[in-house]
Amino acid sequence: MKDIKLLGKKILAEQSPVLFSYQPGEDWRHYWEPKSGTWSCENGYLIGEEKGNFGGILFSKEAYEGDVMFSFTIGTVLPATRDVNAVFCAKWDETTDYLGDSYVCGLNGWYEHKSGIERNIGYGSNLYSTTSLYQYKPGTEVRMTAGSIGGHTFMVVDDVLVSELLDPMPITGGHVGFSAYCTKLKIKDIEVRRITWEEFPQEYDPEF
């Protein structure tokens, strides 16, 4: 795993201690809680499916405090093509029985094949950082890492920083998990690390 360079911060990936490492198996319900949608384990993958226009959510049973990052291998199950999504710093809203204050990261989402990060605050207007420049090829597997350092959120796909969002009102702590939003996903090779990072001064030298 490579270091991740953010605005003003460098995540020291190999120095970030592993809190949880999991390969899906018959014991998956010991570690994961389906909140909505249909979830199962097949051939070494967590499989999530939701046909409606909302998220089929799977939460880790453990909640993590402090700054963590969440890595996993994920892809759509064809003919599903969209919303390769995960959640972190996530809470469940018992009053609405749906995703509450959380960060959502994803590929081929937001109805227009966009990739990025969304702060879902459970009410009112959410905060988004999205792009149409990254194009996910449906059916392929990618390695994603997402997390937050005090509200400085990020999503890395196959060692490339795809999205970065600075949240002025950070969500702290919570569960990690996945959101099969009107799609079908397969997931394996799951890991949670406590983030170790250092200041990363950045400035330009004259180039002409």
N, C-alpha and C. Protein backbone atom coordinates (compact mmCIF):
# COMPACT_ATOMS: atom_id res chain seq x y z
N MET A 1 0.84 -1.19 0.00
CA MET A 1 0.00 0.00 0.00
C MET A 1 0.88 1.25 0.00
N LYS A 2 0.58 2.18 -0.91
CA LYS A 2 1.40 3.37 -1.05
C LYS A 2 0.93 4.48 -0.11
N ASP A 3 1.87 5.38 0.24
CA ASP A 3 1.50 6.57 0.99
C ASP A 3 0.50 7.39 0.16
N ILE A 4 -0.37 8.13 0.86
CA ILE A 4 -1.38 8.93 0.20
C ILE A 4 -1.09 10.40 0.46
N LYS A 5 -0.90 11.17 -0.61
CA LYS A 5 -0.58 12.58 -0.49
C LYS A 5 -1.86 13.41 -0.67
N LEU A 6 -2.25 14.07 0.41
CA LEU A 6 -3.40 14.96 0.39
C LEU A 6 -2.91 16.41 0.46
N LEU A 7 -3.83 17.35 0.41
CA LEU A 7 -3.45 18.75 0.58
C LEU A 7 -2.92 18.96 2.00
N GLY A 8 -1.62 19.18 2.11
CA GLY A 8 -1.00 19.47 3.40
C GLY A 8 -0.78 18.28 4.32
N LYS A 9 -1.14 17.08 3.87
CA LYS A 9 -0.99 15.89 4.71
C LYS A 9 -0.47 14.73 3.87
N LYS A 10 0.35 13.89 4.50
CA LYS A 10 0.78 12.64 3.88
C LYS A 10 0.42 11.49 4.82
N ILE A 11 -0.38 10.56 4.31
CA ILE A 11 -0.74 9.38 5.08
C ILE A 11 0.36 8.34 4.90
N LEU A 12 0.94 7.91 6.00
CA LEU A 12 2.01 6.92 5.98
C LEU A 12 1.36 5.55 6.07
N ALA A 13 1.08 4.99 4.91
CA ALA A 13 0.22 3.81 4.83
C ALA A 13 0.76 2.62 5.61
N GLU A 14 2.01 2.27 5.38
CA GLU A 14 2.56 1.08 6.02
C GLU A 14 2.79 1.27 7.52
N GLN A 15 2.82 2.53 7.98
CA GLN A 15 2.96 2.80 9.41
C GLN A 15 1.60 2.93 10.10
N SER A 16 0.54 2.82 9.34
CA SER A 16 -0.81 2.91 9.89
C SER A 16 -1.25 1.52 10.35
N PRO A 17 -1.44 1.33 11.66
CA PRO A 17 -1.70 -0.02 12.17
C PRO A 17 -3.04 -0.58 11.72
N VAL A 18 -3.05 -1.87 11.44
CA VAL A 18 -4.26 -2.57 11.02
C VAL A 18 -5.14 -2.83 12.24
N LEU A 19 -6.39 -2.39 12.16
CA LEU A 19 -7.37 -2.63 13.22
C LEU A 19 -8.26 -3.83 12.92
N PHE A 20 -8.46 -4.09 11.64
CA PHE A 20 -9.38 -5.15 11.23
C PHE A 20 -9.01 -5.61 9.83
N SER A 21 -8.92 -6.90 9.64
CA SER A 21 -8.63 -7.48 8.34
C SER A 21 -9.57 -8.66 8.14
N TYR A 22 -10.23 -8.71 6.99
CA TYR A 22 -11.27 -9.72 6.83
C TYR A 22 -11.39 -10.20 5.39
N GLN A 23 -11.45 -11.53 5.26
CA GLN A 23 -11.81 -12.19 4.02
C GLN A 23 -13.19 -12.81 4.19
N PRO A 24 -14.15 -12.47 3.37
CA PRO A 24 -15.52 -12.95 3.58
C PRO A 24 -15.63 -14.47 3.61
N GLY A 25 -16.42 -14.94 4.57
CA GLY A 25 -16.65 -16.36 4.74
C GLY A 25 -17.97 -16.59 5.44
N GLU A 26 -18.19 -17.82 5.88
CA GLU A 26 -19.46 -18.17 6.50
C GLU A 26 -19.71 -17.41 7.80
N ASP A 27 -18.66 -16.85 8.39
CA ASP A 27 -18.80 -16.12 9.65
C ASP A 27 -19.13 -14.64 9.43
N TRP A 28 -19.51 -14.24 8.22
CA TRP A 28 -19.61 -12.82 7.90
C TRP A 28 -20.58 -12.07 8.79
N ARG A 29 -21.65 -12.72 9.24
CA ARG A 29 -22.62 -12.03 10.09
C ARG A 29 -22.07 -11.75 11.49
N HIS A 30 -20.96 -12.35 11.84
CA HIS A 30 -20.33 -12.04 13.12
C HIS A 30 -19.70 -10.65 13.09
N TYR A 31 -19.34 -10.18 11.90
CA TYR A 31 -18.63 -8.90 11.76
C TYR A 31 -19.47 -7.81 11.07
N TRP A 32 -20.53 -8.21 10.37
CA TRP A 32 -21.28 -7.27 9.54
C TRP A 32 -22.77 -7.37 9.84
N GLU A 33 -23.44 -6.23 9.75
CA GLU A 33 -24.88 -6.18 10.01
C GLU A 33 -25.61 -5.58 8.81
N PRO A 34 -26.42 -6.38 8.10
CA PRO A 34 -27.23 -5.82 7.03
C PRO A 34 -28.28 -4.86 7.60
N LYS A 35 -28.31 -3.65 7.08
CA LYS A 35 -29.27 -2.64 7.53
C LYS A 35 -30.42 -2.47 6.53
N SER A 36 -30.14 -2.69 5.25
CA SER A 36 -31.15 -2.63 4.21
C SER A 36 -30.59 -3.35 2.99
N GLY A 37 -31.46 -3.66 2.03
CA GLY A 37 -31.03 -4.43 0.88
C GLY A 37 -30.88 -5.90 1.22
N THR A 38 -30.33 -6.66 0.28
CA THR A 38 -30.11 -8.10 0.44
C THR A 38 -28.62 -8.37 0.43
N TRP A 39 -28.12 -9.04 1.48
CA TRP A 39 -26.69 -9.31 1.62
C TRP A 39 -26.45 -10.79 1.86
N SER A 40 -25.35 -11.30 1.30
CA SER A 40 -24.99 -12.70 1.46
C SER A 40 -23.48 -12.83 1.26
N CYS A 41 -22.99 -14.04 1.40
CA CYS A 41 -21.58 -14.32 1.11
C CYS A 41 -21.53 -15.49 0.14
N GLU A 42 -20.84 -15.27 -0.99
CA GLU A 42 -20.76 -16.29 -2.03
C GLU A 42 -19.34 -16.33 -2.59
N ASN A 43 -18.74 -17.52 -2.58
CA ASN A 43 -17.44 -17.73 -3.22
C ASN A 43 -16.38 -16.73 -2.78
N GLY A 44 -16.36 -16.42 -1.47
CA GLY A 44 -15.34 -15.53 -0.93
C GLY A 44 -15.62 -14.05 -1.10
N TYR A 45 -16.85 -13.68 -1.50
CA TYR A 45 -17.23 -12.28 -1.65
C TYR A 45 -18.47 -11.99 -0.81
N LEU A 46 -18.52 -10.79 -0.24
CA LEU A 46 -19.78 -10.25 0.23
C LEU A 46 -20.55 -9.77 -0.99
N ILE A 47 -21.81 -10.14 -1.07
CA ILE A 47 -22.65 -9.77 -2.19
C ILE A 47 -23.79 -8.90 -1.67
N GLY A 48 -23.92 -7.69 -2.22
CA GLY A 48 -24.98 -6.77 -1.83
C GLY A 48 -25.84 -6.41 -3.02
N GLU A 49 -27.16 -6.43 -2.82
CA GLU A 49 -28.08 -6.15 -3.92
C GLU A 49 -29.24 -5.29 -3.43
N GLU A 50 -29.57 -4.27 -4.20
CA GLU A 50 -30.74 -3.44 -3.95
C GLU A 50 -31.28 -2.96 -5.29
N LYS A 51 -32.54 -3.29 -5.58
CA LYS A 51 -33.13 -2.93 -6.87
C LYS A 51 -33.88 -1.60 -6.82
N GLY A 52 -34.17 -1.10 -5.63
CA GLY A 52 -34.87 0.17 -5.50
C GLY A 52 -33.94 1.36 -5.61
N ASN A 53 -34.51 2.56 -5.68
CA ASN A 53 -33.73 3.78 -5.81
C ASN A 53 -33.29 4.30 -4.44
N PHE A 54 -32.55 3.44 -3.73
CA PHE A 54 -31.97 3.81 -2.45
C PHE A 54 -30.86 2.80 -2.14
N GLY A 55 -30.19 3.03 -1.04
CA GLY A 55 -29.02 2.23 -0.72
C GLY A 55 -29.34 0.98 0.08
N GLY A 56 -28.82 -0.15 -0.37
CA GLY A 56 -28.81 -1.36 0.45
C GLY A 56 -27.55 -1.32 1.29
N ILE A 57 -27.68 -1.08 2.59
CA ILE A 57 -26.54 -0.74 3.45
C ILE A 57 -26.08 -1.94 4.29
N LEU A 58 -24.77 -2.14 4.32
CA LEU A 58 -24.13 -3.12 5.21
C LEU A 58 -23.18 -2.37 6.12
N PHE A 59 -23.35 -2.52 7.43
CA PHE A 59 -22.51 -1.85 8.43
C PHE A 59 -21.58 -2.85 9.10
N SER A 60 -20.37 -2.39 9.43
CA SER A 60 -19.53 -3.14 10.36
C SER A 60 -20.20 -3.14 11.72
N LYS A 61 -20.10 -4.25 12.42
CA LYS A 61 -20.67 -4.27 13.77
C LYS A 61 -19.87 -3.39 14.72
N GLU A 62 -18.59 -3.26 14.43
CA GLU A 62 -17.74 -2.41 15.27
C GLU A 62 -17.76 -0.98 14.75
N ALA A 63 -17.85 -0.04 15.67
CA ALA A 63 -17.70 1.38 15.34
C ALA A 63 -16.28 1.80 15.68
N TYR A 64 -15.70 2.66 14.88
CA TYR A 64 -14.32 3.09 15.04
C TYR A 64 -14.27 4.56 15.39
N GLU A 65 -13.56 4.89 16.44
CA GLU A 65 -13.34 6.28 16.82
C GLU A 65 -12.00 6.74 16.27
N GLY A 66 -11.85 8.05 16.13
CA GLY A 66 -10.59 8.58 15.63
C GLY A 66 -10.50 8.47 14.12
N ASP A 67 -9.30 8.70 13.60
CA ASP A 67 -9.06 8.75 12.16
C ASP A 67 -8.72 7.37 11.63
N VAL A 68 -9.58 6.83 10.77
CA VAL A 68 -9.33 5.53 10.18
C VAL A 68 -9.51 5.61 8.67
N MET A 69 -8.90 4.63 7.98
CA MET A 69 -9.14 4.46 6.54
C MET A 69 -9.53 3.02 6.29
N PHE A 70 -10.30 2.84 5.26
CA PHE A 70 -11.04 1.63 4.98
C PHE A 70 -10.68 1.19 3.56
N SER A 71 -10.08 0.01 3.41
CA SER A 71 -9.66 -0.47 2.09
C SER A 71 -10.40 -1.77 1.74
N PHE A 72 -10.65 -1.98 0.45
CA PHE A 72 -11.39 -3.16 0.02
C PHE A 72 -11.28 -3.29 -1.49
N THR A 73 -11.51 -4.50 -1.96
CA THR A 73 -11.60 -4.78 -3.39
C THR A 73 -13.08 -4.93 -3.72
N ILE A 74 -13.54 -4.21 -4.75
CA ILE A 74 -14.97 -4.11 -5.00
C ILE A 74 -15.24 -4.02 -6.50
N GLY A 75 -16.40 -4.49 -6.91
CA GLY A 75 -16.83 -4.37 -8.30
C GLY A 75 -18.32 -4.61 -8.41
N THR A 76 -18.89 -4.24 -9.54
CA THR A 76 -20.30 -4.55 -9.78
C THR A 76 -20.42 -5.98 -10.29
N VAL A 77 -21.58 -6.55 -10.06
CA VAL A 77 -21.92 -7.85 -10.62
C VAL A 77 -22.82 -7.59 -11.83
N LEU A 78 -22.29 -7.83 -13.02
CA LEU A 78 -23.05 -7.56 -14.24
C LEU A 78 -24.36 -8.36 -14.26
N PRO A 79 -25.45 -7.80 -14.77
CA PRO A 79 -25.50 -6.59 -15.60
C PRO A 79 -25.53 -5.27 -14.83
N ALA A 80 -25.38 -5.28 -13.51
CA ALA A 80 -25.33 -4.03 -12.74
C ALA A 80 -24.10 -3.23 -13.17
N THR A 81 -24.26 -1.92 -13.31
CA THR A 81 -23.18 -1.08 -13.84
C THR A 81 -22.82 0.10 -12.96
N ARG A 82 -23.59 0.38 -11.89
CA ARG A 82 -23.42 1.69 -11.25
C ARG A 82 -23.25 1.59 -9.73
N ASP A 83 -22.87 2.74 -9.16
CA ASP A 83 -22.82 2.97 -7.72
C ASP A 83 -22.00 1.93 -6.96
N VAL A 84 -20.70 2.01 -7.18
CA VAL A 84 -19.74 1.21 -6.42
C VAL A 84 -19.43 2.02 -5.16
N ASN A 85 -20.23 1.83 -4.12
CA ASN A 85 -20.25 2.75 -2.99
C ASN A 85 -19.83 2.11 -1.68
N ALA A 86 -19.20 2.93 -0.85
CA ALA A 86 -18.88 2.53 0.52
C ALA A 86 -19.24 3.70 1.45
N VAL A 87 -19.33 3.40 2.74
CA VAL A 87 -19.63 4.44 3.74
C VAL A 87 -18.59 4.35 4.85
N PHE A 88 -18.32 5.50 5.48
CA PHE A 88 -17.41 5.53 6.62
C PHE A 88 -17.82 6.67 7.54
N CYS A 89 -17.33 6.63 8.78
CA CYS A 89 -17.82 7.54 9.82
C CYS A 89 -19.35 7.51 9.82
N ALA A 90 -19.91 6.34 9.71
CA ALA A 90 -21.33 6.19 9.40
C ALA A 90 -22.16 5.86 10.64
N LYS A 91 -23.34 6.47 10.68
CA LYS A 91 -24.33 6.21 11.73
C LYS A 91 -25.64 5.80 11.08
N TRP A 92 -26.47 5.12 11.85
CA TRP A 92 -27.80 4.73 11.40
C TRP A 92 -28.84 5.58 12.12
N ASP A 93 -29.79 6.14 11.36
CA ASP A 93 -30.84 6.97 11.92
C ASP A 93 -32.04 6.08 12.23
N GLU A 94 -32.28 5.83 13.50
CA GLU A 94 -33.37 4.94 13.89
C GLU A 94 -34.73 5.55 13.60
N THR A 95 -34.82 6.88 13.55
CA THR A 95 -36.12 7.51 13.31
C THR A 95 -36.57 7.36 11.85
N THR A 96 -35.61 7.40 10.92
CA THR A 96 -35.93 7.23 9.50
C THR A 96 -35.65 5.81 9.03
N ASP A 97 -34.99 5.00 9.86
CA ASP A 97 -34.57 3.65 9.51
C ASP A 97 -33.76 3.67 8.21
N TYR A 98 -32.81 4.61 8.17
CA TYR A 98 -31.96 4.73 6.99
C TYR A 98 -30.64 5.36 7.40
N LEU A 99 -29.76 5.48 6.45
CA LEU A 99 -28.43 6.03 6.71
C LEU A 99 -28.54 7.43 7.30
N GLY A 100 -27.86 7.65 8.42
CA GLY A 100 -27.81 8.96 9.05
C GLY A 100 -26.53 9.69 8.71
N ASP A 101 -25.98 10.45 9.65
CA ASP A 101 -24.75 11.21 9.42
C ASP A 101 -23.64 10.25 8.99
N SER A 102 -23.09 10.47 7.82
CA SER A 102 -22.12 9.53 7.24
C SER A 102 -21.39 10.20 6.09
N TYR A 103 -20.24 9.62 5.73
CA TYR A 103 -19.60 9.93 4.46
C TYR A 103 -19.84 8.75 3.51
N VAL A 104 -20.20 9.09 2.28
CA VAL A 104 -20.40 8.10 1.23
C VAL A 104 -19.40 8.38 0.13
N CYS A 105 -18.66 7.36 -0.30
CA CYS A 105 -17.76 7.51 -1.44
C CYS A 105 -18.19 6.52 -2.51
N GLY A 106 -17.97 6.87 -3.77
CA GLY A 106 -18.43 5.95 -4.78
C GLY A 106 -17.93 6.25 -6.18
N LEU A 107 -18.14 5.26 -7.05
CA LEU A 107 -17.82 5.34 -8.47
C LEU A 107 -19.09 5.08 -9.26
N ASN A 108 -19.22 5.74 -10.43
CA ASN A 108 -20.38 5.55 -11.32
C ASN A 108 -21.69 5.81 -10.60
N GLY A 109 -21.73 6.87 -9.81
CA GLY A 109 -22.92 7.19 -9.05
C GLY A 109 -23.49 8.56 -9.36
N TRP A 110 -24.31 9.05 -8.45
CA TRP A 110 -24.93 10.36 -8.55
C TRP A 110 -25.68 10.53 -9.88
N TYR A 111 -26.23 9.43 -10.38
CA TYR A 111 -27.13 9.40 -11.55
C TYR A 111 -26.48 9.75 -12.88
N GLU A 112 -25.26 10.28 -12.85
CA GLU A 112 -24.59 10.69 -14.09
C GLU A 112 -23.19 10.10 -14.19
N HIS A 113 -23.00 8.91 -13.66
CA HIS A 113 -21.71 8.20 -13.73
C HIS A 113 -20.58 9.03 -13.13
N LYS A 114 -20.87 9.69 -12.01
CA LYS A 114 -19.86 10.50 -11.33
C LYS A 114 -19.17 9.69 -10.24
N SER A 115 -18.00 10.14 -9.86
CA SER A 115 -17.25 9.54 -8.76
C SER A 115 -16.94 10.64 -7.75
N GLY A 116 -16.90 10.27 -6.47
CA GLY A 116 -16.58 11.29 -5.49
C GLY A 116 -16.98 10.92 -4.08
N ILE A 117 -17.17 11.96 -3.27
CA ILE A 117 -17.48 11.82 -1.84
C ILE A 117 -18.67 12.71 -1.52
N GLU A 118 -19.55 12.21 -0.69
CA GLU A 118 -20.71 12.96 -0.22
C GLU A 118 -20.78 12.89 1.30
N ARG A 119 -21.04 14.02 1.91
CA ARG A 119 -21.36 14.00 3.34
C ARG A 119 -22.88 13.95 3.46
N ASN A 120 -23.36 12.84 3.95
CA ASN A 120 -24.80 12.69 4.19
C ASN A 120 -25.04 13.07 5.65
N ILE A 121 -25.81 14.12 5.87
CA ILE A 121 -26.05 14.58 7.24
C ILE A 121 -27.42 14.18 7.75
N GLY A 122 -28.12 13.36 6.95
CA GLY A 122 -29.38 12.83 7.43
C GLY A 122 -30.55 13.79 7.32
N TYR A 123 -30.26 15.04 7.03
CA TYR A 123 -31.33 16.04 6.88
C TYR A 123 -30.75 17.22 6.11
N GLY A 124 -31.61 18.03 5.51
CA GLY A 124 -31.15 19.24 4.85
C GLY A 124 -30.26 18.95 3.65
N SER A 125 -29.37 19.89 3.35
CA SER A 125 -28.50 19.78 2.18
C SER A 125 -27.22 19.04 2.53
N ASN A 126 -26.84 18.13 1.66
CA ASN A 126 -25.59 17.41 1.83
C ASN A 126 -24.44 18.18 1.19
N LEU A 127 -23.23 17.69 1.40
CA LEU A 127 -22.01 18.29 0.85
C LEU A 127 -21.40 17.29 -0.11
N TYR A 128 -21.03 17.75 -1.32
CA TYR A 128 -20.55 16.85 -2.36
C TYR A 128 -19.20 17.32 -2.91
N SER A 129 -18.41 16.34 -3.33
CA SER A 129 -17.24 16.60 -4.17
C SER A 129 -17.22 15.48 -5.21
N THR A 130 -17.64 15.79 -6.45
CA THR A 130 -17.77 14.75 -7.46
C THR A 130 -17.09 15.17 -8.76
N THR A 131 -16.80 14.17 -9.58
CA THR A 131 -16.20 14.41 -10.89
C THR A 131 -16.72 13.38 -11.88
N SER A 132 -16.78 13.76 -13.14
CA SER A 132 -17.13 12.81 -14.20
C SER A 132 -15.89 12.34 -14.95
N LEU A 133 -14.70 12.75 -14.48
CA LEU A 133 -13.47 12.43 -15.19
C LEU A 133 -13.02 10.99 -14.96
N TYR A 134 -13.26 10.45 -13.76
CA TYR A 134 -12.90 9.05 -13.52
C TYR A 134 -14.01 8.15 -14.04
N GLN A 135 -13.67 7.22 -14.91
CA GLN A 135 -14.66 6.31 -15.49
C GLN A 135 -14.39 4.88 -15.01
N TYR A 136 -15.33 4.35 -14.24
CA TYR A 136 -15.23 2.97 -13.79
C TYR A 136 -15.80 2.04 -14.86
N LYS A 137 -15.11 0.94 -15.16
CA LYS A 137 -15.58 -0.05 -16.13
C LYS A 137 -16.41 -1.10 -15.39
N PRO A 138 -17.72 -1.13 -15.62
CA PRO A 138 -18.59 -2.07 -14.91
C PRO A 138 -18.11 -3.51 -15.04
N GLY A 139 -18.25 -4.23 -13.92
CA GLY A 139 -17.86 -5.64 -13.88
C GLY A 139 -16.43 -5.88 -13.47
N THR A 140 -15.59 -4.84 -13.50
CA THR A 140 -14.20 -5.00 -13.09
C THR A 140 -14.07 -4.78 -11.58
N GLU A 141 -12.99 -5.31 -11.02
CA GLU A 141 -12.70 -5.11 -9.60
C GLU A 141 -11.63 -4.04 -9.45
N VAL A 142 -11.83 -3.15 -8.49
CA VAL A 142 -10.85 -2.11 -8.19
C VAL A 142 -10.53 -2.16 -6.70
N ARG A 143 -9.39 -1.62 -6.35
CA ARG A 143 -8.98 -1.50 -4.95
C ARG A 143 -9.24 -0.09 -4.51
N MET A 144 -10.12 0.08 -3.52
CA MET A 144 -10.48 1.40 -3.03
C MET A 144 -10.03 1.58 -1.59
N THR A 145 -9.64 2.79 -1.27
CA THR A 145 -9.34 3.19 0.10
C THR A 145 -10.02 4.53 0.35
N ALA A 146 -10.73 4.62 1.46
CA ALA A 146 -11.41 5.87 1.81
C ALA A 146 -11.27 6.10 3.31
N GLY A 147 -11.29 7.36 3.71
CA GLY A 147 -11.19 7.66 5.13
C GLY A 147 -11.26 9.14 5.40
N SER A 148 -11.00 9.49 6.65
CA SER A 148 -11.11 10.88 7.08
C SER A 148 -10.06 11.17 8.14
N ILE A 149 -9.45 12.35 8.03
CA ILE A 149 -8.58 12.89 9.08
C ILE A 149 -9.25 14.16 9.58
N GLY A 150 -10.05 14.03 10.62
CA GLY A 150 -10.73 15.19 11.17
C GLY A 150 -11.60 15.92 10.17
N GLY A 151 -12.24 15.19 9.26
CA GLY A 151 -13.08 15.81 8.25
C GLY A 151 -12.38 16.06 6.92
N HIS A 152 -11.08 15.79 6.85
CA HIS A 152 -10.36 15.83 5.57
C HIS A 152 -10.52 14.45 4.95
N THR A 153 -11.53 14.30 4.10
CA THR A 153 -11.90 12.99 3.58
C THR A 153 -11.25 12.76 2.21
N PHE A 154 -11.11 11.48 1.86
CA PHE A 154 -10.41 11.14 0.62
C PHE A 154 -10.89 9.78 0.11
N MET A 155 -10.73 9.58 -1.20
CA MET A 155 -10.99 8.30 -1.83
C MET A 155 -9.88 8.02 -2.84
N VAL A 156 -9.25 6.88 -2.70
CA VAL A 156 -8.18 6.45 -3.59
C VAL A 156 -8.64 5.19 -4.31
N VAL A 157 -8.42 5.13 -5.63
CA VAL A 157 -8.79 3.96 -6.42
C VAL A 157 -7.56 3.49 -7.19
N ASP A 158 -7.17 2.23 -6.91
CA ASP A 158 -5.98 1.66 -7.57
C ASP A 158 -4.78 2.62 -7.48
N ASP A 159 -4.55 3.12 -6.26
CA ASP A 159 -3.41 3.99 -5.92
C ASP A 159 -3.49 5.39 -6.53
N VAL A 160 -4.64 5.79 -7.06
CA VAL A 160 -4.81 7.14 -7.59
C VAL A 160 -5.84 7.88 -6.74
N LEU A 161 -5.48 9.09 -6.28
CA LEU A 161 -6.40 9.91 -5.51
C LEU A 161 -7.48 10.45 -6.46
N VAL A 162 -8.71 9.99 -6.27
CA VAL A 162 -9.81 10.37 -7.16
C VAL A 162 -10.60 11.54 -6.60
N SER A 163 -10.73 11.59 -5.26
CA SER A 163 -11.54 12.66 -4.67
C SER A 163 -11.02 13.01 -3.28
N GLU A 164 -11.17 14.28 -2.95
CA GLU A 164 -10.72 14.82 -1.67
C GLU A 164 -11.73 15.89 -1.26
N LEU A 165 -12.18 15.86 -0.02
CA LEU A 165 -13.19 16.81 0.44
C LEU A 165 -12.86 17.26 1.85
N LEU A 166 -12.77 18.57 2.05
CA LEU A 166 -12.55 19.15 3.37
C LEU A 166 -13.89 19.58 3.94
N ASP A 167 -14.31 18.91 4.99
CA ASP A 167 -15.62 19.16 5.60
C ASP A 167 -15.46 20.14 6.76
N PRO A 168 -16.08 21.32 6.69
CA PRO A 168 -15.94 22.29 7.78
C PRO A 168 -16.70 21.89 9.05
N MET A 169 -17.59 20.91 8.93
CA MET A 169 -18.33 20.42 10.09
C MET A 169 -18.18 18.90 10.14
N PRO A 170 -17.00 18.42 10.56
CA PRO A 170 -16.66 17.00 10.40
C PRO A 170 -17.59 16.06 11.16
N ILE A 171 -17.81 14.90 10.53
CA ILE A 171 -18.42 13.77 11.22
C ILE A 171 -17.28 12.98 11.85
N THR A 172 -17.39 12.63 13.09
CA THR A 172 -16.32 11.92 13.77
C THR A 172 -16.81 10.57 14.25
N GLY A 173 -16.00 9.56 14.02
CA GLY A 173 -16.31 8.22 14.49
C GLY A 173 -17.49 7.59 13.77
N GLY A 174 -17.62 6.27 13.93
CA GLY A 174 -18.75 5.58 13.35
C GLY A 174 -18.35 4.28 12.70
N HIS A 175 -19.29 3.70 11.99
CA HIS A 175 -19.10 2.41 11.33
C HIS A 175 -18.51 2.60 9.94
N VAL A 176 -17.96 1.54 9.39
CA VAL A 176 -17.62 1.47 7.97
C VAL A 176 -18.55 0.45 7.33
N GLY A 177 -18.67 0.52 6.01
CA GLY A 177 -19.55 -0.44 5.35
C GLY A 177 -19.72 -0.11 3.88
N PHE A 178 -20.80 -0.63 3.32
CA PHE A 178 -21.02 -0.54 1.88
C PHE A 178 -22.46 -0.15 1.59
N SER A 179 -22.67 0.44 0.41
CA SER A 179 -24.01 0.86 -0.01
C SER A 179 -24.24 0.41 -1.45
N ALA A 180 -25.02 -0.63 -1.60
CA ALA A 180 -25.41 -1.07 -2.95
C ALA A 180 -26.64 -0.26 -3.35
N TYR A 181 -26.40 0.86 -4.03
CA TYR A 181 -27.48 1.80 -4.36
C TYR A 181 -28.04 1.47 -5.73
N CYS A 182 -29.19 0.79 -5.74
CA CYS A 182 -29.84 0.37 -6.98
C CYS A 182 -28.85 -0.37 -7.89
N THR A 183 -28.10 -1.30 -7.28
CA THR A 183 -27.06 -2.01 -8.01
C THR A 183 -26.79 -3.34 -7.31
N LYS A 184 -25.81 -4.07 -7.79
CA LYS A 184 -25.37 -5.32 -7.17
C LYS A 184 -23.85 -5.31 -7.11
N LEU A 185 -23.29 -5.50 -5.92
CA LEU A 185 -21.85 -5.38 -5.68
C LEU A 185 -21.27 -6.68 -5.13
N LYS A 186 -19.96 -6.84 -5.37
CA LYS A 186 -19.20 -7.92 -4.74
C LYS A 186 -17.96 -7.31 -4.10
N ILE A 187 -17.62 -7.79 -2.89
CA ILE A 187 -16.57 -7.15 -2.09
C ILE A 187 -15.73 -8.22 -1.40
N LYS A 188 -14.40 -8.00 -1.35
CA LYS A 188 -13.50 -8.90 -0.63
C LYS A 188 -12.29 -8.10 -0.14
N ASP A 189 -11.35 -8.79 0.54
CA ASP A 189 -10.06 -8.20 0.96
C ASP A 189 -10.27 -6.89 1.72
N ILE A 190 -10.97 -6.96 2.84
CA ILE A 190 -11.38 -5.76 3.59
C ILE A 190 -10.38 -5.48 4.71
N GLU A 191 -10.04 -4.21 4.89
CA GLU A 191 -9.06 -3.83 5.91
C GLU A 191 -9.39 -2.45 6.45
N VAL A 192 -9.26 -2.29 7.76
CA VAL A 192 -9.40 -0.98 8.41
C VAL A 192 -8.09 -0.67 9.12
N ARG A 193 -7.56 0.52 8.89
CA ARG A 193 -6.32 0.95 9.55
C ARG A 193 -6.54 2.26 10.30
N ARG A 194 -5.86 2.38 11.44
CA ARG A 194 -5.75 3.67 12.12
C ARG A 194 -4.77 4.53 11.34
N ILE A 195 -5.16 5.74 10.97
CA ILE A 195 -4.33 6.56 10.10
C ILE A 195 -3.16 7.17 10.87
N THR A 196 -1.98 6.94 10.35
CA THR A 196 -0.77 7.65 10.78
C THR A 196 -0.40 8.62 9.67
N TRP A 197 -0.24 9.89 10.03
CA TRP A 197 0.04 10.88 9.00
C TRP A 197 1.00 11.93 9.51
N GLU A 198 1.55 12.70 8.59
CA GLU A 198 2.44 13.80 8.94
C GLU A 198 2.11 15.02 8.10
N GLU A 199 2.52 16.17 8.61
CA GLU A 199 2.35 17.40 7.83
C GLU A 199 3.12 17.28 6.52
N PHE A 200 2.55 17.82 5.47
CA PHE A 200 3.15 17.69 4.13
C PHE A 200 3.21 19.08 3.49
N PRO A 201 4.24 19.89 3.86
CA PRO A 201 4.35 21.24 3.30
C PRO A 201 4.45 21.18 1.78
N GLN A 202 3.75 22.07 1.13
CA GLN A 202 3.74 22.09 -0.33
C GLN A 202 3.94 23.52 -0.82
N GLU A 203 4.85 23.68 -1.75
CA GLU A 203 5.07 24.98 -2.37
C GLU A 203 5.69 24.77 -3.74
N TYR A 204 5.54 25.74 -4.59
CA TYR A 204 6.12 25.68 -5.93
C TYR A 204 7.51 26.32 -5.94
N ASP A 205 8.42 25.71 -6.68
CA ASP A 205 9.66 26.37 -7.06
C ASP A 205 9.44 26.99 -8.45
N PRO A 206 10.10 28.13 -8.73
CA PRO A 206 9.96 28.72 -10.06
C PRO A 206 10.35 27.72 -11.14
N GLU A 207 9.57 27.65 -12.22
CA GLU A 207 9.89 26.73 -13.31
C GLU A 207 10.22 27.45 -14.62
N PHE A 208 10.25 28.79 -14.59
CA PHE A 208 10.67 29.54 -15.77
C PHE A 208 11.19 30.91 -15.35
